[in-house]
Structure formats: structure tokens, C-alpha cells
């Protein structure tokens, strides 16, 4: 059907995507899943250790834990509705990468 058709592709890579997930934008998540997600991402703190000294801890208001197994999955869940913004294109998501394809 689409033999010899042109395909335009946009490749994206979200910069610091796991750090930028806004905890307040949990639209559509309710009940036990909402409570679990909140317990996983809220009330987190981090500190820098320099030559064995930690000057202080600071709260982390956004993002998911770095290096976590759940980080990529939570990001995919967070942006999975983006496909509805591109009704006439194909969307491929993998971790922090997205491809938008359109057959011309």
C-alpha cells in the first residue's frame, strides 16, 4: 500500500528526562497506584559528599531516583499520552527517546 512512499522521521532524546518528571502532574493516576507512586518519588532528599564531608541535604521536588530500575518505566508511563497529540503520525517510545514517523 505504501510502496515507494516518503517517510519523514523526527528523532528526539529528552535531556535529563528522569530529573524533570513533575510529581504534581500525576493526572489520571488514582487509588493504590497513585499512593504507591507518591511513596516512591516524594519526600526524597539528596546530598553531595566532598572529601568525606556532607554540607547538607536538600529535597528533590521532581524526577525519579537515578539508576533505578523503575525510572525508565515511570517516565514511559508519564509521557504515554503524548501519542494522542500526533493523530496522523506513528509514535515510537523507548526510555527517554521518541521517534515521530509520518508517511507522506
PDB file of N, CA and C in Angstrom:
ATOM      1  N   UNK A   1       0.818  -1.192   0.000  1.00  0.00           N
ATOM      2  CA  UNK A   1       0.000   0.000   0.000  1.00  0.00           C
ATOM      3  C   UNK A   1       0.867   1.262   0.000  1.00  0.00           C
ATOM      4  N   UNK A   2       1.967   1.250   0.782  1.00  0.00           N
ATOM      5  CA  UNK A   2       2.817   2.431   0.875  1.00  0.00           C
ATOM      6  C   UNK A   2       4.148   2.229   0.153  1.00  0.00           C
ATOM      7  N   UNK A   3       4.172   1.412  -0.879  1.00  0.00           N
ATOM      8  CA  UNK A   3       5.417   1.171  -1.598  1.00  0.00           C
ATOM      9  C   UNK A   3       5.965   2.462  -2.172  1.00  0.00           C
ATOM     10  N   UNK A   4       7.256   2.666  -1.987  1.00  0.00           N
ATOM     11  CA  UNK A   4       7.970   3.829  -2.512  1.00  0.00           C
ATOM     12  C   UNK A   4       7.444   5.149  -1.941  1.00  0.00           C
ATOM     13  N   UNK A   5       6.828   5.116  -0.780  1.00  0.00           N
ATOM     14  CA  UNK A   5       6.340   6.341  -0.147  1.00  0.00           C
ATOM     15  C   UNK A   5       7.471   6.990   0.647  1.00  0.00           C
ATOM     16  N   UNK A   6       7.363   8.274   0.827  1.00  0.00           N
ATOM     17  CA  UNK A   6       8.325   9.013   1.642  1.00  0.00           C
ATOM     18  C   UNK A   6       7.906   8.907   3.098  1.00  0.00           C
ATOM     19  N   UNK A   7       8.883   8.702   3.973  1.00  0.00           N
ATOM     20  CA  UNK A   7       8.624   8.674   5.407  1.00  0.00           C
ATOM     21  C   UNK A   7       9.493   9.744   6.058  1.00  0.00           C
ATOM     22  N   UNK A   8       8.857  10.675   6.713  1.00  0.00           N
ATOM     23  CA  UNK A   8       9.585  11.693   7.466  1.00  0.00           C
ATOM     24  C   UNK A   8       9.650  11.239   8.921  1.00  0.00           C
ATOM     25  N   UNK A   9      10.825  11.378   9.531  1.00  0.00           N
ATOM     26  CA  UNK A   9      11.019  10.924  10.910  1.00  0.00           C
ATOM     27  C   UNK A   9      11.688  12.033  11.710  1.00  0.00           C
ATOM     28  N   UNK A  10      11.163  12.260  12.897  1.00  0.00           N
ATOM     29  CA  UNK A  10      11.789  13.174  13.849  1.00  0.00           C
ATOM     30  C   UNK A  10      12.283  12.326  15.012  1.00  0.00           C
ATOM     31  N   UNK A  11      13.572  12.429  15.309  1.00  0.00           N
ATOM     32  CA  UNK A  11      14.171  11.713  16.433  1.00  0.00           C
ATOM     33  C   UNK A  11      14.322  12.685  17.596  1.00  0.00           C
ATOM     34  N   UNK A  12      13.898  12.275  18.771  1.00  0.00           N
ATOM     35  CA  UNK A  12      14.054  13.124  19.951  1.00  0.00           C
ATOM     36  C   UNK A  12      14.730  12.340  21.059  1.00  0.00           C
ATOM     37  N   UNK A  13      15.417  13.058  21.899  1.00  0.00           N
ATOM     38  CA  UNK A  13      16.037  12.486  23.089  1.00  0.00           C
ATOM     39  C   UNK A  13      15.825  13.510  24.192  1.00  0.00           C
ATOM     40  N   UNK A  14      15.050  13.168  25.182  1.00  0.00           N
ATOM     41  CA  UNK A  14      14.723  14.105  26.246  1.00  0.00           C
ATOM     42  C   UNK A  14      15.927  14.303  27.157  1.00  0.00           C
ATOM     43  N   UNK A  15      16.376  15.528  27.260  1.00  0.00           N
ATOM     44  CA  UNK A  15      17.516  15.860  28.101  1.00  0.00           C
ATOM     45  C   UNK A  15      17.112  15.838  29.570  1.00  0.00           C
ATOM     46  N   UNK A  16      17.839  15.084  30.367  1.00  0.00           N
ATOM     47  CA  UNK A  16      17.590  14.964  31.811  1.00  0.00           C
ATOM     48  C   UNK A  16      16.134  14.618  32.110  1.00  0.00           C
ATOM     49  N   UNK A  17      15.568  13.747  31.308  1.00  0.00           N
ATOM     50  CA  UNK A  17      14.136  13.455  31.425  1.00  0.00           C
ATOM     51  C   UNK A  17      13.756  12.879  32.785  1.00  0.00           C
ATOM     52  N   UNK A  18      14.592  12.034  33.349  1.00  0.00           N
ATOM     53  CA  UNK A  18      14.236  11.413  34.621  1.00  0.00           C
ATOM     54  C   UNK A  18      14.273  12.420  35.764  1.00  0.00           C
ATOM     55  N   UNK A  19      15.042  13.503  35.589  1.00  0.00           N
ATOM     56  CA  UNK A  19      15.114  14.550  36.610  1.00  0.00           C
ATOM     57  C   UNK A  19      13.931  15.503  36.537  1.00  0.00           C
ATOM     58  N   UNK A  20      13.224  15.511  35.411  1.00  0.00           N
ATOM     59  CA  UNK A  20      12.213  16.541  35.175  1.00  0.00           C
ATOM     60  C   UNK A  20      10.773  16.081  35.332  1.00  0.00           C
ATOM     61  N   UNK A  21      10.553  14.875  35.749  1.00  0.00           N
ATOM     62  CA  UNK A  21       9.176  14.420  35.947  1.00  0.00           C
ATOM     63  C   UNK A  21       8.590  15.180  37.130  1.00  0.00           C
ATOM     64  N   UNK A  22       7.556  15.945  36.858  1.00  0.00           N
ATOM     65  CA  UNK A  22       6.911  16.764  37.884  1.00  0.00           C
ATOM     66  C   UNK A  22       5.977  15.889  38.703  1.00  0.00           C
ATOM     67  N   UNK A  23       6.243  15.797  39.994  1.00  0.00           N
ATOM     68  CA  UNK A  23       5.420  14.957  40.864  1.00  0.00           C
ATOM     69  C   UNK A  23       3.981  15.439  40.957  1.00  0.00           C
ATOM     70  N   UNK A  24       3.750  16.712  40.682  1.00  0.00           N
ATOM     71  CA  UNK A  24       2.397  17.257  40.781  1.00  0.00           C
ATOM     72  C   UNK A  24       1.537  16.921  39.570  1.00  0.00           C
ATOM     73  N   UNK A  25       2.158  16.451  38.495  1.00  0.00           N
ATOM     74  CA  UNK A  25       1.407  16.159  37.273  1.00  0.00           C
ATOM     75  C   UNK A  25       1.104  14.674  37.163  1.00  0.00           C
ATOM     76  N   UNK A  26       0.365  14.166  38.103  1.00  0.00           N
ATOM     77  CA  UNK A  26       0.021  12.748  38.116  1.00  0.00           C
ATOM     78  C   UNK A  26      -1.408  12.545  37.642  1.00  0.00           C
ATOM     79  N   UNK A  27      -1.813  13.319  36.655  1.00  0.00           N
ATOM     80  CA  UNK A  27      -3.183  13.251  36.142  1.00  0.00           C
ATOM     81  C   UNK A  27      -3.514  11.851  35.660  1.00  0.00           C
ATOM     82  N   UNK A  28      -4.672  11.387  36.026  1.00  0.00           N
ATOM     83  CA  UNK A  28      -5.134  10.084  35.556  1.00  0.00           C
ATOM     84  C   UNK A  28      -4.698   8.918  36.419  1.00  0.00           C
ATOM     85  N   UNK A  29      -3.876   9.167  37.416  1.00  0.00           N
ATOM     86  CA  UNK A  29      -3.448   8.088  38.311  1.00  0.00           C
ATOM     87  C   UNK A  29      -4.230   8.239  39.608  1.00  0.00           C
ATOM     88  N   UNK A  30      -4.893   7.171  40.016  1.00  0.00           N
ATOM     89  CA  UNK A  30      -5.747   7.230  41.202  1.00  0.00           C
ATOM     90  C   UNK A  30      -5.534   6.000  42.082  1.00  0.00           C
ATOM     91  N   UNK A  31      -6.078   6.057  43.277  1.00  0.00           N
ATOM     92  CA  UNK A  31      -6.132   4.896  44.161  1.00  0.00           C
ATOM     93  C   UNK A  31      -4.774   4.381  44.596  1.00  0.00           C
ATOM     94  N   UNK A  32      -4.663   3.044  44.649  1.00  0.00           N
ATOM     95  CA  UNK A  32      -3.438   2.411  45.129  1.00  0.00           C
ATOM     96  C   UNK A  32      -2.219   2.770  44.286  1.00  0.00           C
ATOM     97  N   UNK A  33      -2.390   2.842  42.963  1.00  0.00           N
ATOM     98  CA  UNK A  33      -1.266   3.182  42.094  1.00  0.00           C
ATOM     99  C   UNK A  33      -0.758   4.588  42.400  1.00  0.00           C
ATOM    100  N   UNK A  34      -1.666   5.515  42.621  1.00  0.00           N
ATOM    101  CA  UNK A  34      -1.283   6.885  42.963  1.00  0.00           C
ATOM    102  C   UNK A  34      -0.508   6.912  44.280  1.00  0.00           C
ATOM    103  N   UNK A  35      -1.017   6.217  45.291  1.00  0.00           N
ATOM    104  CA  UNK A  35      -0.351   6.184  46.594  1.00  0.00           C
ATOM    105  C   UNK A  35       1.032   5.540  46.490  1.00  0.00           C
ATOM    106  N   UNK A  36       1.141   4.469  45.691  1.00  0.00           N
ATOM    107  CA  UNK A  36       2.435   3.808  45.519  1.00  0.00           C
ATOM    108  C   UNK A  36       3.418   4.749  44.835  1.00  0.00           C
ATOM    109  N   UNK A  37       2.971   5.393  43.769  1.00  0.00           N
ATOM    110  CA  UNK A  37       3.850   6.302  43.037  1.00  0.00           C
ATOM    111  C   UNK A  37       4.332   7.424  43.947  1.00  0.00           C
ATOM    112  N   UNK A  38       3.412   8.005  44.703  1.00  0.00           N
ATOM    113  CA  UNK A  38       3.790   9.099  45.615  1.00  0.00           C
ATOM    114  C   UNK A  38       4.804   8.634  46.652  1.00  0.00           C
ATOM    115  N   UNK A  39       4.607   7.439  47.195  1.00  0.00           N
ATOM    116  CA  UNK A  39       5.546   6.940  48.202  1.00  0.00           C
ATOM    117  C   UNK A  39       6.926   6.685  47.604  1.00  0.00           C
ATOM    118  N   UNK A  40       6.980   6.418  46.310  1.00  0.00           N
ATOM    119  CA  UNK A  40       8.254   6.139  45.644  1.00  0.00           C
ATOM    120  C   UNK A  40       9.024   7.416  45.311  1.00  0.00           C
ATOM    121  N   UNK A  41       8.324   8.482  44.948  1.00  0.00           N
ATOM    122  CA  UNK A  41       9.015   9.684  44.471  1.00  0.00           C
ATOM    123  C   UNK A  41       9.017  10.858  45.443  1.00  0.00           C
ATOM    124  N   UNK A  42       8.104  10.887  46.404  1.00  0.00           N
ATOM    125  CA  UNK A  42       8.023  12.047  47.286  1.00  0.00           C
ATOM    126  C   UNK A  42       8.894  11.880  48.530  1.00  0.00           C
ATOM    127  N   UNK A  43       9.165  12.998  49.161  1.00  0.00           N
ATOM    128  CA  UNK A  43       9.964  13.058  50.388  1.00  0.00           C
ATOM    129  C   UNK A  43      11.360  12.481  50.201  1.00  0.00           C
ATOM    130  N   UNK A  44      11.926  12.670  49.023  1.00  0.00           N
ATOM    131  CA  UNK A  44      13.297  12.215  48.759  1.00  0.00           C
ATOM    132  C   UNK A  44      14.256  13.378  49.004  1.00  0.00           C
ATOM    133  N   UNK A  45      15.438  13.028  49.448  1.00  0.00           N
ATOM    134  CA  UNK A  45      16.483  14.019  49.663  1.00  0.00           C
ATOM    135  C   UNK A  45      17.775  13.534  49.007  1.00  0.00           C
ATOM    136  N   UNK A  46      18.679  14.471  48.806  1.00  0.00           N
ATOM    137  CA  UNK A  46      19.979  14.101  48.258  1.00  0.00           C
ATOM    138  C   UNK A  46      21.042  15.009  48.856  1.00  0.00           C
ATOM    139  N   UNK A  47      22.272  14.539  48.803  1.00  0.00           N
ATOM    140  CA  UNK A  47      23.390  15.312  49.330  1.00  0.00           C
ATOM    141  C   UNK A  47      24.617  15.048  48.479  1.00  0.00           C
ATOM    142  N   UNK A  48      25.537  15.983  48.538  1.00  0.00           N
ATOM    143  CA  UNK A  48      26.828  15.826  47.882  1.00  0.00           C
ATOM    144  C   UNK A  48      27.856  15.554  48.971  1.00  0.00           C
ATOM    145  N   UNK A  49      28.670  14.538  48.759  1.00  0.00           N
ATOM    146  CA  UNK A  49      29.739  14.224  49.702  1.00  0.00           C
ATOM    147  C   UNK A  49      31.051  14.627  49.042  1.00  0.00           C
ATOM    148  N   UNK A  50      31.773  15.521  49.677  1.00  0.00           N
ATOM    149  CA  UNK A  50      33.030  16.012  49.140  1.00  0.00           C
ATOM    150  C   UNK A  50      34.117  15.806  50.180  1.00  0.00           C
ATOM    151  N   UNK A  51      35.067  14.955  49.860  1.00  0.00           N
ATOM    152  CA  UNK A  51      36.161  14.604  50.767  1.00  0.00           C
ATOM    153  C   UNK A  51      35.628  14.164  52.125  1.00  0.00           C
ATOM    154  N   UNK A  52      34.582  13.364  52.092  1.00  0.00           N
ATOM    155  CA  UNK A  52      34.007  12.812  53.313  1.00  0.00           C
ATOM    156  C   UNK A  52      33.100  13.758  54.077  1.00  0.00           C
ATOM    157  N   UNK A  53      32.914  14.956  53.585  1.00  0.00           N
ATOM    158  CA  UNK A  53      32.080  15.946  54.269  1.00  0.00           C
ATOM    159  C   UNK A  53      30.786  16.160  53.492  1.00  0.00           C
ATOM    160  N   UNK A  54      29.667  16.147  54.207  1.00  0.00           N
ATOM    161  CA  UNK A  54      28.356  16.403  53.616  1.00  0.00           C
ATOM    162  C   UNK A  54      27.832  17.718  54.183  1.00  0.00           C
ATOM    163  N   UNK A  55      27.840  18.785  53.376  1.00  0.00           N
ATOM    164  CA  UNK A  55      27.399  20.082  53.893  1.00  0.00           C
ATOM    165  C   UNK A  55      25.919  20.150  54.240  1.00  0.00           C
ATOM    166  N   UNK A  56      25.105  19.304  53.656  1.00  0.00           N
ATOM    167  CA  UNK A  56      23.685  19.338  53.978  1.00  0.00           C
ATOM    168  C   UNK A  56      22.861  18.578  52.962  1.00  0.00           C
ATOM    169  N   UNK A  57      21.665  18.286  53.352  1.00  0.00           N
ATOM    170  CA  UNK A  57      20.730  17.552  52.500  1.00  0.00           C
ATOM    171  C   UNK A  57      19.724  18.531  51.924  1.00  0.00           C
ATOM    172  N   UNK A  58      19.239  18.232  50.727  1.00  0.00           N
ATOM    173  CA  UNK A  58      18.225  19.074  50.088  1.00  0.00           C
ATOM    174  C   UNK A  58      17.113  18.183  49.539  1.00  0.00           C
ATOM    175  N   UNK A  59      15.910  18.706  49.506  1.00  0.00           N
ATOM    176  CA  UNK A  59      14.784  17.914  48.996  1.00  0.00           C
ATOM    177  C   UNK A  59      14.839  17.851  47.472  1.00  0.00           C
ATOM    178  N   UNK A  60      14.236  16.808  46.923  1.00  0.00           N
ATOM    179  CA  UNK A  60      14.193  16.591  45.479  1.00  0.00           C
ATOM    180  C   UNK A  60      12.731  16.684  45.048  1.00  0.00           C
ATOM    181  N   UNK A  61      12.300  17.842  44.506  1.00  0.00           N
ATOM    182  CA  UNK A  61      10.882  18.046  44.196  1.00  0.00           C
ATOM    183  C   UNK A  61      10.411  17.439  42.879  1.00  0.00           C
ATOM    184  N   UNK A  62      11.339  16.946  42.055  1.00  0.00           N
ATOM    185  CA  UNK A  62      10.928  16.363  40.779  1.00  0.00           C
ATOM    186  C   UNK A  62      11.871  15.231  40.414  1.00  0.00           C
ATOM    187  N   UNK A  63      11.444  14.439  39.449  1.00  0.00           N
ATOM    188  CA  UNK A  63      12.279  13.355  38.952  1.00  0.00           C
ATOM    189  C   UNK A  63      12.028  12.031  39.641  1.00  0.00           C
ATOM    190  N   UNK A  64      12.706  11.023  39.129  1.00  0.00           N
ATOM    191  CA  UNK A  64      12.675   9.686  39.723  1.00  0.00           C
ATOM    192  C   UNK A  64      14.105   9.346  40.111  1.00  0.00           C
ATOM    193  N   UNK A  65      14.291   8.421  41.051  1.00  0.00           N
ATOM    194  CA  UNK A  65      15.647   8.098  41.508  1.00  0.00           C
ATOM    195  C   UNK A  65      16.566   7.671  40.361  1.00  0.00           C
ATOM    196  N   UNK A  66      17.735   8.290  40.289  1.00  0.00           N
ATOM    197  CA  UNK A  66      18.708   7.975  39.252  1.00  0.00           C
ATOM    198  C   UNK A  66      19.212   6.550  39.412  1.00  0.00           C
ATOM    199  N   UNK A  67      19.337   5.858  38.298  1.00  0.00           N
ATOM    200  CA  UNK A  67      19.837   4.493  38.318  1.00  0.00           C
ATOM    201  C   UNK A  67      18.824   3.468  38.770  1.00  0.00           C
ATOM    202  N   UNK A  68      17.607   3.905  39.017  1.00  0.00           N
ATOM    203  CA  UNK A  68      16.588   2.963  39.480  1.00  0.00           C
ATOM    204  C   UNK A  68      16.064   2.126  38.319  1.00  0.00           C
ATOM    205  N   UNK A  69      15.635   0.948  38.621  1.00  0.00           N
ATOM    206  CA  UNK A  69      15.051   0.066  37.609  1.00  0.00           C
ATOM    207  C   UNK A  69      13.720   0.633  37.129  1.00  0.00           C
ATOM    208  N   UNK A  70      13.008   1.294  38.028  1.00  0.00           N
ATOM    209  CA  UNK A  70      11.688   1.819  37.688  1.00  0.00           C
ATOM    210  C   UNK A  70      11.725   3.157  36.953  1.00  0.00           C
ATOM    211  N   UNK A  71      12.848   3.842  36.949  1.00  0.00           N
ATOM    212  CA  UNK A  71      12.938   5.158  36.323  1.00  0.00           C
ATOM    213  C   UNK A  71      12.441   5.198  34.890  1.00  0.00           C
ATOM    214  N   UNK A  72      12.994   4.369  33.989  1.00  0.00           N
ATOM    215  CA  UNK A  72      12.518   4.393  32.603  1.00  0.00           C
ATOM    216  C   UNK A  72      11.037   4.032  32.465  1.00  0.00           C
ATOM    217  N   UNK A  73      10.573   3.059  33.251  1.00  0.00           N
ATOM    218  CA  UNK A  73       9.163   2.674  33.193  1.00  0.00           C
ATOM    219  C   UNK A  73       8.268   3.829  33.633  1.00  0.00           C
ATOM    220  N   UNK A  74       8.627   4.488  34.712  1.00  0.00           N
ATOM    221  CA  UNK A  74       7.819   5.611  35.191  1.00  0.00           C
ATOM    222  C   UNK A  74       7.811   6.755  34.186  1.00  0.00           C
ATOM    223  N   UNK A  75       8.926   6.982  33.519  1.00  0.00           N
ATOM    224  CA  UNK A  75       8.954   8.032  32.501  1.00  0.00           C
ATOM    225  C   UNK A  75       8.031   7.683  31.343  1.00  0.00           C
ATOM    226  N   UNK A  76       8.059   6.429  30.898  1.00  0.00           N
ATOM    227  CA  UNK A  76       7.169   5.990  29.810  1.00  0.00           C
ATOM    228  C   UNK A  76       5.712   6.159  30.227  1.00  0.00           C
ATOM    229  N   UNK A  77       5.377   5.772  31.455  1.00  0.00           N
ATOM    230  CA  UNK A  77       4.005   5.963  31.939  1.00  0.00           C
ATOM    231  C   UNK A  77       3.648   7.447  31.955  1.00  0.00           C
ATOM    232  N   UNK A  78       4.602   8.260  32.327  1.00  0.00           N
ATOM    233  CA  UNK A  78       4.374   9.692  32.446  1.00  0.00           C
ATOM    234  C   UNK A  78       4.083  10.338  31.095  1.00  0.00           C
ATOM    235  N   UNK A  79       4.762   9.882  30.022  1.00  0.00           N
ATOM    236  CA  UNK A  79       4.576  10.518  28.718  1.00  0.00           C
ATOM    237  C   UNK A  79       3.742   9.687  27.748  1.00  0.00           C
ATOM    238  N   UNK A  80       3.190   8.588  28.202  1.00  0.00           N
ATOM    239  CA  UNK A  80       2.495   7.685  27.275  1.00  0.00           C
ATOM    240  C   UNK A  80       1.317   8.343  26.549  1.00  0.00           C
ATOM    241  N   UNK A  81       0.722   9.352  27.113  1.00  0.00           N
ATOM    242  CA  UNK A  81      -0.404  10.028  26.456  1.00  0.00           C
ATOM    243  C   UNK A  81       0.031  10.965  25.335  1.00  0.00           C
ATOM    244  N   UNK A  82       1.319  11.163  25.165  1.00  0.00           N
ATOM    245  CA  UNK A  82       1.789  12.075  24.119  1.00  0.00           C
ATOM    246  C   UNK A  82       1.363  11.611  22.732  1.00  0.00           C
ATOM    247  N   UNK A  83       1.138  10.318  22.579  1.00  0.00           N
ATOM    248  CA  UNK A  83       0.739   9.790  21.262  1.00  0.00           C
ATOM    249  C   UNK A  83      -0.578  10.392  20.785  1.00  0.00           C
ATOM    250  N   UNK A  84      -1.414  10.854  21.705  1.00  0.00           N
ATOM    251  CA  UNK A  84      -2.690  11.452  21.319  1.00  0.00           C
ATOM    252  C   UNK A  84      -2.513  12.865  20.754  1.00  0.00           C
ATOM    253  N   UNK A  85      -1.328  13.433  20.891  1.00  0.00           N
ATOM    254  CA  UNK A  85      -1.041  14.752  20.320  1.00  0.00           C
ATOM    255  C   UNK A  85      -0.681  14.666  18.843  1.00  0.00           C
ATOM    256  N   UNK A  86      -0.378  13.458  18.365  1.00  0.00           N
ATOM    257  CA  UNK A  86       0.051  13.257  16.982  1.00  0.00           C
ATOM    258  C   UNK A  86      -0.889  12.265  16.317  1.00  0.00           C
ATOM    259  N   UNK A  87      -2.080  12.700  15.967  1.00  0.00           N
ATOM    260  CA  UNK A  87      -3.122  11.793  15.477  1.00  0.00           C
ATOM    261  C   UNK A  87      -2.820  11.183  14.118  1.00  0.00           C
ATOM    262  N   UNK A  88      -2.023  11.836  13.293  1.00  0.00           N
ATOM    263  CA  UNK A  88      -1.771  11.340  11.942  1.00  0.00           C
ATOM    264  C   UNK A  88      -0.330  10.867  11.766  1.00  0.00           C
ATOM    265  N   UNK A  89       0.308  10.522  12.868  1.00  0.00           N
ATOM    266  CA  UNK A  89       1.691  10.055  12.837  1.00  0.00           C
ATOM    267  C   UNK A  89       1.818   8.823  13.719  1.00  0.00           C
ATOM    268  N   UNK A  90       2.917   8.116  13.539  1.00  0.00           N
ATOM    269  CA  UNK A  90       3.236   6.980  14.395  1.00  0.00           C
ATOM    270  C   UNK A  90       4.252   7.448  15.430  1.00  0.00           C
ATOM    271  N   UNK A  91       4.079   7.001  16.665  1.00  0.00           N
ATOM    272  CA  UNK A  91       4.981   7.381  17.744  1.00  0.00           C
ATOM    273  C   UNK A  91       5.630   6.116  18.293  1.00  0.00           C
ATOM    274  N   UNK A  92       6.949   6.125  18.386  1.00  0.00           N
ATOM    275  CA  UNK A  92       7.697   5.024  18.983  1.00  0.00           C
ATOM    276  C   UNK A  92       8.429   5.568  20.201  1.00  0.00           C
ATOM    277  N   UNK A  93       8.183   4.967  21.361  1.00  0.00           N
ATOM    278  CA  UNK A  93       8.806   5.411  22.603  1.00  0.00           C
ATOM    279  C   UNK A  93       9.715   4.321  23.144  1.00  0.00           C
ATOM    280  N   UNK A  94      10.902   4.727  23.608  1.00  0.00           N
ATOM    281  CA  UNK A  94      11.794   3.808  24.296  1.00  0.00           C
ATOM    282  C   UNK A  94      12.602   4.621  25.295  1.00  0.00           C
ATOM    283  N   UNK A  95      12.372   4.367  26.570  1.00  0.00           N
ATOM    284  CA  UNK A  95      13.035   5.104  27.652  1.00  0.00           C
ATOM    285  C   UNK A  95      12.906   6.606  27.393  1.00  0.00           C
ATOM    286  N   UNK A  96      14.025   7.317  27.208  1.00  0.00           N
ATOM    287  CA  UNK A  96      13.935   8.770  27.015  1.00  0.00           C
ATOM    288  C   UNK A  96      14.045   9.179  25.547  1.00  0.00           C
ATOM    289  N   UNK A  97      13.807   8.246  24.656  1.00  0.00           N
ATOM    290  CA  UNK A  97      13.854   8.525  23.219  1.00  0.00           C
ATOM    291  C   UNK A  97      12.463   8.401  22.607  1.00  0.00           C
ATOM    292  N   UNK A  98      12.192   9.236  21.611  1.00  0.00           N
ATOM    293  CA  UNK A  98      10.922   9.158  20.902  1.00  0.00           C
ATOM    294  C   UNK A  98      11.177   9.392  19.416  1.00  0.00           C
ATOM    295  N   UNK A  99      10.491   8.609  18.586  1.00  0.00           N
ATOM    296  CA  UNK A  99      10.515   8.815  17.139  1.00  0.00           C
ATOM    297  C   UNK A  99       9.096   9.128  16.697  1.00  0.00           C
ATOM    298  N   UNK A 100       8.956  10.150  15.878  1.00  0.00           N
ATOM    299  CA  UNK A 100       7.673  10.524  15.302  1.00  0.00           C
ATOM    300  C   UNK A 100       7.781  10.255  13.806  1.00  0.00           C
ATOM    301  N   UNK A 101       6.952   9.344  13.294  1.00  0.00           N
ATOM    302  CA  UNK A 101       7.008   8.954  11.886  1.00  0.00           C
ATOM    303  C   UNK A 101       5.730   9.368  11.179  1.00  0.00           C
ATOM    304  N   UNK A 102       5.884   9.858   9.972  1.00  0.00           N
ATOM    305  CA  UNK A 102       4.737  10.255   9.153  1.00  0.00           C
ATOM    306  C   UNK A 102       4.988   9.785   7.730  1.00  0.00           C
ATOM    307  N   UNK A 103       4.056   8.998   7.191  1.00  0.00           N
ATOM    308  CA  UNK A 103       4.145   8.554   5.804  1.00  0.00           C
ATOM    309  C   UNK A 103       3.539   9.644   4.936  1.00  0.00           C
ATOM    310  N   UNK A 104       4.310  10.125   3.983  1.00  0.00           N
ATOM    311  CA  UNK A 104       3.884  11.241   3.127  1.00  0.00           C
ATOM    312  C   UNK A 104       3.333  10.698   1.814  1.00  0.00           C
TER     313      UNK A 104
END
